[in-house]
Structure formats: structure tokens, C-alpha cells
């Protein structure tokens, strides 16, 4: 039985063999890593914004200043 649990997720052999890893491969991997980091950062910013809006909603609801609209009123146009 192989010591690898999932051959598609185990890149250790690939990265340890310097002949297999070309400069292009390293560049692609670095770019993918940067893109993943960027997506995570964008998601965190989006989550922070959603939380800010939700807190504003709760504050307005508590103060009684929250404006609500009926669906009929909004869709009149």
C-alpha cells in the first residue's frame, strides 16, 4: 500500500525532484498561490462589508429609524 493518501494532492515527490520542476512550473505555482491569496483577501473584505451593513441595519432597527418598503411599492416602476 502506498504511503500517500491521495496521489492527486501529494506533491512532495514532485517538488523534491529538482529535474521535474522547471522555472515555468515554479512561476505557475507562485502565480496560483498569489491568486488564491488575493481571492481570500477579497472574500474577507466582502465579509467585513456585509457585517458592517448588518450592524447598521440592527442599529437602525433598534432606534426605530429603519426604512422598509413593500414589494409592490418597489416594483411599481
PDB file of N, CA and C in Angstrom:
ATOM      1  N   UNK A   1       0.843  -1.183   0.000  1.00  0.00           N
ATOM      2  CA  UNK A   1       0.000   0.000   0.000  1.00  0.00           C
ATOM      3  C   UNK A   1       0.884   1.240   0.000  1.00  0.00           C
ATOM      4  N   UNK A   2       0.530   2.192  -0.779  1.00  0.00           N
ATOM      5  CA  UNK A   2       1.288   3.437  -0.881  1.00  0.00           C
ATOM      6  C   UNK A   2       1.133   4.257   0.387  1.00  0.00           C
ATOM      7  N   UNK A   3       2.213   4.967   0.749  1.00  0.00           N
ATOM      8  CA  UNK A   3       2.141   5.823   1.941  1.00  0.00           C
ATOM      9  C   UNK A   3       1.330   7.083   1.662  1.00  0.00           C
ATOM     10  N   UNK A   4       1.082   7.373   0.396  1.00  0.00           N
ATOM     11  CA  UNK A   4       0.284   8.542   0.025  1.00  0.00           C
ATOM     12  C   UNK A   4      -1.194   8.248   0.214  1.00  0.00           C
ATOM     13  N   UNK A   5      -1.898   9.210   0.782  1.00  0.00           N
ATOM     14  CA  UNK A   5      -3.334   9.041   0.975  1.00  0.00           C
ATOM     15  C   UNK A   5      -4.090   9.397  -0.295  1.00  0.00           C
ATOM     16  N   UNK A   6      -3.640  10.443  -0.978  1.00  0.00           N
ATOM     17  CA  UNK A   6      -4.312  10.882  -2.192  1.00  0.00           C
ATOM     18  C   UNK A   6      -3.237  11.308  -3.178  1.00  0.00           C
ATOM     19  N   UNK A   7      -3.050  10.542  -4.226  1.00  0.00           N
ATOM     20  CA  UNK A   7      -1.965  10.827  -5.160  1.00  0.00           C
ATOM     21  C   UNK A   7      -2.138  12.158  -5.876  1.00  0.00           C
ATOM     22  N   UNK A   8      -3.359  12.682  -5.920  1.00  0.00           N
ATOM     23  CA  UNK A   8      -3.595  13.942  -6.612  1.00  0.00           C
ATOM     24  C   UNK A   8      -3.274  15.150  -5.739  1.00  0.00           C
ATOM     25  N   UNK A   9      -3.222  14.962  -4.430  1.00  0.00           N
ATOM     26  CA  UNK A   9      -2.942  16.078  -3.532  1.00  0.00           C
ATOM     27  C   UNK A   9      -1.531  16.048  -2.974  1.00  0.00           C
ATOM     28  N   UNK A  10      -0.788  14.976  -3.202  1.00  0.00           N
ATOM     29  CA  UNK A  10       0.557  14.846  -2.652  1.00  0.00           C
ATOM     30  C   UNK A  10       1.580  15.256  -3.705  1.00  0.00           C
ATOM     31  N   UNK A  11       2.131  16.435  -3.529  1.00  0.00           N
ATOM     32  CA  UNK A  11       3.115  16.946  -4.482  1.00  0.00           C
ATOM     33  C   UNK A  11       4.538  16.832  -3.946  1.00  0.00           C
ATOM     34  N   UNK A  12       4.744  16.187  -2.811  1.00  0.00           N
ATOM     35  CA  UNK A  12       6.064  16.159  -2.186  1.00  0.00           C
ATOM     36  C   UNK A  12       7.115  15.528  -3.095  1.00  0.00           C
ATOM     37  N   UNK A  13       6.787  14.423  -3.751  1.00  0.00           N
ATOM     38  CA  UNK A  13       7.751  13.794  -4.659  1.00  0.00           C
ATOM     39  C   UNK A  13       8.076  14.716  -5.823  1.00  0.00           C
ATOM     40  N   UNK A  14       7.081  15.391  -6.328  1.00  0.00           N
ATOM     41  CA  UNK A  14       7.255  16.287  -7.468  1.00  0.00           C
ATOM     42  C   UNK A  14       8.193  17.435  -7.119  1.00  0.00           C
ATOM     43  N   UNK A  15       8.000  18.041  -5.955  1.00  0.00           N
ATOM     44  CA  UNK A  15       8.811  19.194  -5.584  1.00  0.00           C
ATOM     45  C   UNK A  15      10.208  18.801  -5.126  1.00  0.00           C
ATOM     46  N   UNK A  16      10.386  17.584  -4.654  1.00  0.00           N
ATOM     47  CA  UNK A  16      11.702  17.148  -4.198  1.00  0.00           C
ATOM     48  C   UNK A  16      12.614  16.778  -5.353  1.00  0.00           C
ATOM     49  N   UNK A  17      12.073  16.482  -6.498  1.00  0.00           N
ATOM     50  CA  UNK A  17      12.870  16.132  -7.668  1.00  0.00           C
ATOM     51  C   UNK A  17      13.076  17.390  -8.504  1.00  0.00           C
ATOM     52  N   UNK A  18      14.238  18.022  -8.340  1.00  0.00           N
ATOM     53  CA  UNK A  18      14.505  19.312  -8.993  1.00  0.00           C
ATOM     54  C   UNK A  18      14.459  19.226 -10.511  1.00  0.00           C
ATOM     55  N   UNK A  19      14.746  18.057 -11.058  1.00  0.00           N
ATOM     56  CA  UNK A  19      14.719  17.914 -12.511  1.00  0.00           C
ATOM     57  C   UNK A  19      13.295  18.055 -13.048  1.00  0.00           C
ATOM     58  N   UNK A  20      12.319  17.666 -12.266  1.00  0.00           N
ATOM     59  CA  UNK A  20      10.925  17.733 -12.715  1.00  0.00           C
ATOM     60  C   UNK A  20      10.363  19.146 -12.646  1.00  0.00           C
ATOM     61  N   UNK A  21      10.900  19.944 -11.739  1.00  0.00           N
ATOM     62  CA  UNK A  21      10.348  21.278 -11.528  1.00  0.00           C
ATOM     63  C   UNK A  21      11.139  22.283 -12.356  1.00  0.00           C
ATOM     64  N   UNK A  22      10.524  22.765 -13.402  1.00  0.00           N
ATOM     65  CA  UNK A  22      11.186  23.766 -14.230  1.00  0.00           C
ATOM     66  C   UNK A  22      10.878  25.155 -13.691  1.00  0.00           C
ATOM     67  N   UNK A  23      11.549  26.142 -14.229  1.00  0.00           N
ATOM     68  CA  UNK A  23      11.285  27.528 -13.823  1.00  0.00           C
ATOM     69  C   UNK A  23       9.846  27.915 -14.140  1.00  0.00           C
ATOM     70  N   UNK A  24       9.341  27.433 -15.266  1.00  0.00           N
ATOM     71  CA  UNK A  24       7.956  27.736 -15.644  1.00  0.00           C
ATOM     72  C   UNK A  24       6.974  27.152 -14.638  1.00  0.00           C
ATOM     73  N   UNK A  25       7.232  25.926 -14.215  1.00  0.00           N
ATOM     74  CA  UNK A  25       6.357  25.289 -13.227  1.00  0.00           C
ATOM     75  C   UNK A  25       6.350  26.085 -11.933  1.00  0.00           C
ATOM     76  N   UNK A  26       7.525  26.516 -11.498  1.00  0.00           N
ATOM     77  CA  UNK A  26       7.617  27.295 -10.262  1.00  0.00           C
ATOM     78  C   UNK A  26       6.862  28.611 -10.410  1.00  0.00           C
ATOM     79  N   UNK A  27       6.970  29.244 -11.568  1.00  0.00           N
ATOM     80  CA  UNK A  27       6.268  30.508 -11.803  1.00  0.00           C
ATOM     81  C   UNK A  27       4.758  30.313 -11.766  1.00  0.00           C
ATOM     82  N   UNK A  28       4.302  29.235 -12.370  1.00  0.00           N
ATOM     83  CA  UNK A  28       2.865  28.946 -12.380  1.00  0.00           C
ATOM     84  C   UNK A  28       2.371  28.704 -10.962  1.00  0.00           C
ATOM     85  N   UNK A  29       3.120  27.936 -10.202  1.00  0.00           N
ATOM     86  CA  UNK A  29       2.732  27.637  -8.822  1.00  0.00           C
ATOM     87  C   UNK A  29       2.711  28.916  -7.988  1.00  0.00           C
ATOM     88  N   UNK A  30       3.724  29.775  -8.161  1.00  0.00           N
ATOM     89  CA  UNK A  30       3.761  31.041  -7.424  1.00  0.00           C
ATOM     90  C   UNK A  30       2.568  31.923  -7.792  1.00  0.00           C
ATOM     91  N   UNK A  31       2.245  31.981  -9.073  1.00  0.00           N
ATOM     92  CA  UNK A  31       1.111  32.784  -9.535  1.00  0.00           C
ATOM     93  C   UNK A  31      -0.200  32.252  -8.962  1.00  0.00           C
ATOM     94  N   UNK A  32      -0.375  30.937  -8.994  1.00  0.00           N
ATOM     95  CA  UNK A  32      -1.591  30.345  -8.434  1.00  0.00           C
ATOM     96  C   UNK A  32      -1.706  30.643  -6.946  1.00  0.00           C
ATOM     97  N   UNK A  33      -0.588  30.577  -6.235  1.00  0.00           N
ATOM     98  CA  UNK A  33      -0.583  30.873  -4.802  1.00  0.00           C
ATOM     99  C   UNK A  33      -0.971  32.324  -4.559  1.00  0.00           C
ATOM    100  N   UNK A  34      -0.436  33.243  -5.357  1.00  0.00           N
ATOM    101  CA  UNK A  34      -0.785  34.655  -5.219  1.00  0.00           C
ATOM    102  C   UNK A  34      -2.269  34.888  -5.501  1.00  0.00           C
ATOM    103  N   UNK A  35      -2.794  34.227  -6.532  1.00  0.00           N
ATOM    104  CA  UNK A  35      -4.213  34.385  -6.873  1.00  0.00           C
ATOM    105  C   UNK A  35      -5.120  33.841  -5.768  1.00  0.00           C
ATOM    106  N   UNK A  36      -4.730  32.730  -5.177  1.00  0.00           N
ATOM    107  CA  UNK A  36      -5.512  32.172  -4.068  1.00  0.00           C
ATOM    108  C   UNK A  36      -5.507  33.147  -2.902  1.00  0.00           C
ATOM    109  N   UNK A  37      -4.334  33.714  -2.591  1.00  0.00           N
ATOM    110  CA  UNK A  37      -4.234  34.701  -1.516  1.00  0.00           C
ATOM    111  C   UNK A  37      -5.095  35.917  -1.790  1.00  0.00           C
ATOM    112  N   UNK A  38      -5.098  36.369  -3.042  1.00  0.00           N
ATOM    113  CA  UNK A  38      -5.905  37.530  -3.418  1.00  0.00           C
ATOM    114  C   UNK A  38      -7.397  37.239  -3.239  1.00  0.00           C
ATOM    115  N   UNK A  39      -7.832  36.056  -3.658  1.00  0.00           N
ATOM    116  CA  UNK A  39      -9.244  35.674  -3.519  1.00  0.00           C
ATOM    117  C   UNK A  39      -9.648  35.616  -2.045  1.00  0.00           C
ATOM    118  N   UNK A  40      -8.772  35.088  -1.202  1.00  0.00           N
ATOM    119  CA  UNK A  40      -9.066  35.014   0.233  1.00  0.00           C
ATOM    120  C   UNK A  40      -9.197  36.416   0.808  1.00  0.00           C
ATOM    121  N   UNK A  41      -8.293  37.306   0.409  1.00  0.00           N
ATOM    122  CA  UNK A  41      -8.336  38.686   0.899  1.00  0.00           C
ATOM    123  C   UNK A  41      -9.620  39.381   0.442  1.00  0.00           C
ATOM    124  N   UNK A  42      -9.997  39.183  -0.826  1.00  0.00           N
ATOM    125  CA  UNK A  42     -11.237  39.780  -1.343  1.00  0.00           C
ATOM    126  C   UNK A  42     -12.455  39.256  -0.582  1.00  0.00           C
ATOM    127  N   UNK A  43     -12.463  37.972  -0.278  1.00  0.00           N
ATOM    128  CA  UNK A  43     -13.584  37.371   0.448  1.00  0.00           C
ATOM    129  C   UNK A  43     -13.668  37.957   1.855  1.00  0.00           C
ATOM    130  N   UNK A  44     -12.524  38.154   2.509  1.00  0.00           N
ATOM    131  CA  UNK A  44     -12.518  38.739   3.850  1.00  0.00           C
ATOM    132  C   UNK A  44     -13.048  40.169   3.829  1.00  0.00           C
ATOM    133  N   UNK A  45     -12.656  40.944   2.820  1.00  0.00           N
ATOM    134  CA  UNK A  45     -13.147  42.319   2.687  1.00  0.00           C
ATOM    135  C   UNK A  45     -14.660  42.309   2.473  1.00  0.00           C
ATOM    136  N   UNK A  46     -15.120  41.398   1.632  1.00  0.00           N
ATOM    137  CA  UNK A  46     -16.559  41.274   1.364  1.00  0.00           C
ATOM    138  C   UNK A  46     -17.312  40.910   2.647  1.00  0.00           C
ATOM    139  N   UNK A  47     -16.764  39.983   3.419  1.00  0.00           N
ATOM    140  CA  UNK A  47     -17.399  39.582   4.680  1.00  0.00           C
ATOM    141  C   UNK A  47     -17.441  40.742   5.672  1.00  0.00           C
ATOM    142  N   UNK A  48     -16.352  41.523   5.742  1.00  0.00           N
ATOM    143  CA  UNK A  48     -16.313  42.684   6.638  1.00  0.00           C
ATOM    144  C   UNK A  48     -17.375  43.710   6.243  1.00  0.00           C
ATOM    145  N   UNK A  49     -17.537  43.938   4.946  1.00  0.00           N
ATOM    146  CA  UNK A  49     -18.537  44.888   4.458  1.00  0.00           C
ATOM    147  C   UNK A  49     -19.945  44.404   4.808  1.00  0.00           C
ATOM    148  N   UNK A  50     -20.201  43.119   4.562  1.00  0.00           N
ATOM    149  CA  UNK A  50     -21.519  42.556   4.888  1.00  0.00           C
ATOM    150  C   UNK A  50     -21.820  42.704   6.376  1.00  0.00           C
ATOM    151  N   UNK A  51     -20.832  42.458   7.219  1.00  0.00           N
ATOM    152  CA  UNK A  51     -21.018  42.580   8.663  1.00  0.00           C
ATOM    153  C   UNK A  51     -21.302  44.029   9.052  1.00  0.00           C
ATOM    154  N   UNK A  52     -20.603  44.975   8.411  1.00  0.00           N
ATOM    155  CA  UNK A  52     -20.821  46.399   8.687  1.00  0.00           C
ATOM    156  C   UNK A  52     -22.265  46.789   8.343  1.00  0.00           C
ATOM    157  N   UNK A  53     -22.732  46.375   7.177  1.00  0.00           N
ATOM    158  CA  UNK A  53     -24.094  46.691   6.737  1.00  0.00           C
ATOM    159  C   UNK A  53     -25.116  46.062   7.679  1.00  0.00           C
ATOM    160  N   UNK A  54     -24.872  44.832   8.095  1.00  0.00           N
ATOM    161  CA  UNK A  54     -25.792  44.145   9.003  1.00  0.00           C
ATOM    162  C   UNK A  54     -25.864  44.861  10.351  1.00  0.00           C
ATOM    163  N   UNK A  55     -24.706  45.309  10.858  1.00  0.00           N
ATOM    164  CA  UNK A  55     -24.695  46.038  12.134  1.00  0.00           C
ATOM    165  C   UNK A  55     -25.449  47.361  12.015  1.00  0.00           C
ATOM    166  N   UNK A  56     -25.302  48.047  10.875  1.00  0.00           N
ATOM    167  CA  UNK A  56     -26.046  49.287  10.645  1.00  0.00           C
ATOM    168  C   UNK A  56     -27.550  49.007  10.617  1.00  0.00           C
ATOM    169  N   UNK A  57     -27.933  47.913   9.986  1.00  0.00           N
ATOM    170  CA  UNK A  57     -29.343  47.504   9.937  1.00  0.00           C
ATOM    171  C   UNK A  57     -29.882  47.278  11.349  1.00  0.00           C
ATOM    172  N   UNK A  58     -29.138  46.525  12.165  1.00  0.00           N
ATOM    173  CA  UNK A  58     -29.588  46.250  13.533  1.00  0.00           C
ATOM    174  C   UNK A  58     -29.702  47.528  14.356  1.00  0.00           C
ATOM    175  N   UNK A  59     -28.752  48.451  14.164  1.00  0.00           N
ATOM    176  CA  UNK A  59     -28.775  49.722  14.896  1.00  0.00           C
ATOM    177  C   UNK A  59     -30.015  50.538  14.509  1.00  0.00           C
ATOM    178  N   UNK A  60     -30.276  50.644  13.206  1.00  0.00           N
ATOM    179  CA  UNK A  60     -31.449  51.387  12.735  1.00  0.00           C
ATOM    180  C   UNK A  60     -32.740  50.730  13.213  1.00  0.00           C
ATOM    181  N   UNK A  61     -32.777  49.423  13.225  1.00  0.00           N
ATOM    182  CA  UNK A  61     -33.962  48.697  13.679  1.00  0.00           C
ATOM    183  C   UNK A  61     -34.211  48.970  15.164  1.00  0.00           C
ATOM    184  N   UNK A  62     -33.142  48.954  15.950  1.00  0.00           N
ATOM    185  CA  UNK A  62     -33.253  49.201  17.389  1.00  0.00           C
ATOM    186  C   UNK A  62     -33.697  50.631  17.679  1.00  0.00           C
ATOM    187  N   UNK A  63     -33.167  51.592  16.895  1.00  0.00           N
ATOM    188  CA  UNK A  63     -33.501  53.009  17.100  1.00  0.00           C
ATOM    189  C   UNK A  63     -34.867  53.368  16.520  1.00  0.00           C
ATOM    190  N   UNK A  64     -35.415  52.500  15.705  1.00  0.00           N
ATOM    191  CA  UNK A  64     -36.701  52.779  15.072  1.00  0.00           C
ATOM    192  C   UNK A  64     -36.586  53.666  13.847  1.00  0.00           C
ATOM    193  N   UNK A  65     -35.389  53.801  13.295  1.00  0.00           N
ATOM    194  CA  UNK A  65     -35.183  54.651  12.116  1.00  0.00           C
ATOM    195  C   UNK A  65     -35.057  53.843  10.826  1.00  0.00           C
ATOM    196  N   UNK A  66     -35.280  52.555  10.909  1.00  0.00           N
ATOM    197  CA  UNK A  66     -35.146  51.684   9.740  1.00  0.00           C
ATOM    198  C   UNK A  66     -36.300  51.926   8.775  1.00  0.00           C
ATOM    199  N   UNK A  67     -35.958  52.197   7.514  1.00  0.00           N
ATOM    200  CA  UNK A  67     -36.980  52.394   6.485  1.00  0.00           C
ATOM    201  C   UNK A  67     -37.208  51.066   5.779  1.00  0.00           C
ATOM    202  N   UNK A  68     -38.458  50.689   5.665  1.00  0.00           N
ATOM    203  CA  UNK A  68     -38.799  49.475   4.922  1.00  0.00           C
ATOM    204  C   UNK A  68     -39.762  49.841   3.806  1.00  0.00           C
ATOM    205  N   UNK A  69     -39.757  49.039   2.774  1.00  0.00           N
ATOM    206  CA  UNK A  69     -40.602  49.280   1.612  1.00  0.00           C
ATOM    207  C   UNK A  69     -41.337  47.994   1.267  1.00  0.00           C
ATOM    208  N   UNK A  70     -42.563  48.135   0.789  1.00  0.00           N
ATOM    209  CA  UNK A  70     -43.303  46.949   0.352  1.00  0.00           C
ATOM    210  C   UNK A  70     -42.820  46.560  -1.040  1.00  0.00           C
ATOM    211  N   UNK A  71     -42.989  45.307  -1.365  1.00  0.00           N
ATOM    212  CA  UNK A  71     -42.594  44.838  -2.699  1.00  0.00           C
ATOM    213  C   UNK A  71     -43.388  45.554  -3.785  1.00  0.00           C
ATOM    214  N   UNK A  72     -44.650  45.784  -3.538  1.00  0.00           N
ATOM    215  CA  UNK A  72     -45.490  46.470  -4.527  1.00  0.00           C
ATOM    216  C   UNK A  72     -44.964  47.869  -4.798  1.00  0.00           C
ATOM    217  N   UNK A  73     -44.557  48.561  -3.745  1.00  0.00           N
ATOM    218  CA  UNK A  73     -44.044  49.925  -3.885  1.00  0.00           C
ATOM    219  C   UNK A  73     -42.733  49.944  -4.670  1.00  0.00           C
ATOM    220  N   UNK A  74     -41.883  49.001  -4.397  1.00  0.00           N
ATOM    221  CA  UNK A  74     -40.575  48.949  -5.059  1.00  0.00           C
ATOM    222  C   UNK A  74     -40.716  48.578  -6.531  1.00  0.00           C
ATOM    223  N   UNK A  75     -41.638  47.677  -6.852  1.00  0.00           N
ATOM    224  CA  UNK A  75     -41.784  47.183  -8.216  1.00  0.00           C
ATOM    225  C   UNK A  75     -42.774  47.988  -9.056  1.00  0.00           C
ATOM    226  N   UNK A  76     -43.240  49.135  -8.577  1.00  0.00           N
ATOM    227  CA  UNK A  76     -44.202  49.955  -9.328  1.00  0.00           C
ATOM    228  C   UNK A  76     -43.661  50.401 -10.677  1.00  0.00           C
ATOM    229  N   UNK A  77     -42.391  50.699 -10.737  1.00  0.00           N
ATOM    230  CA  UNK A  77     -41.798  51.245 -11.961  1.00  0.00           C
ATOM    231  C   UNK A  77     -41.981  50.341 -13.082  1.00  0.00           C
TER     232      UNK A  77
END
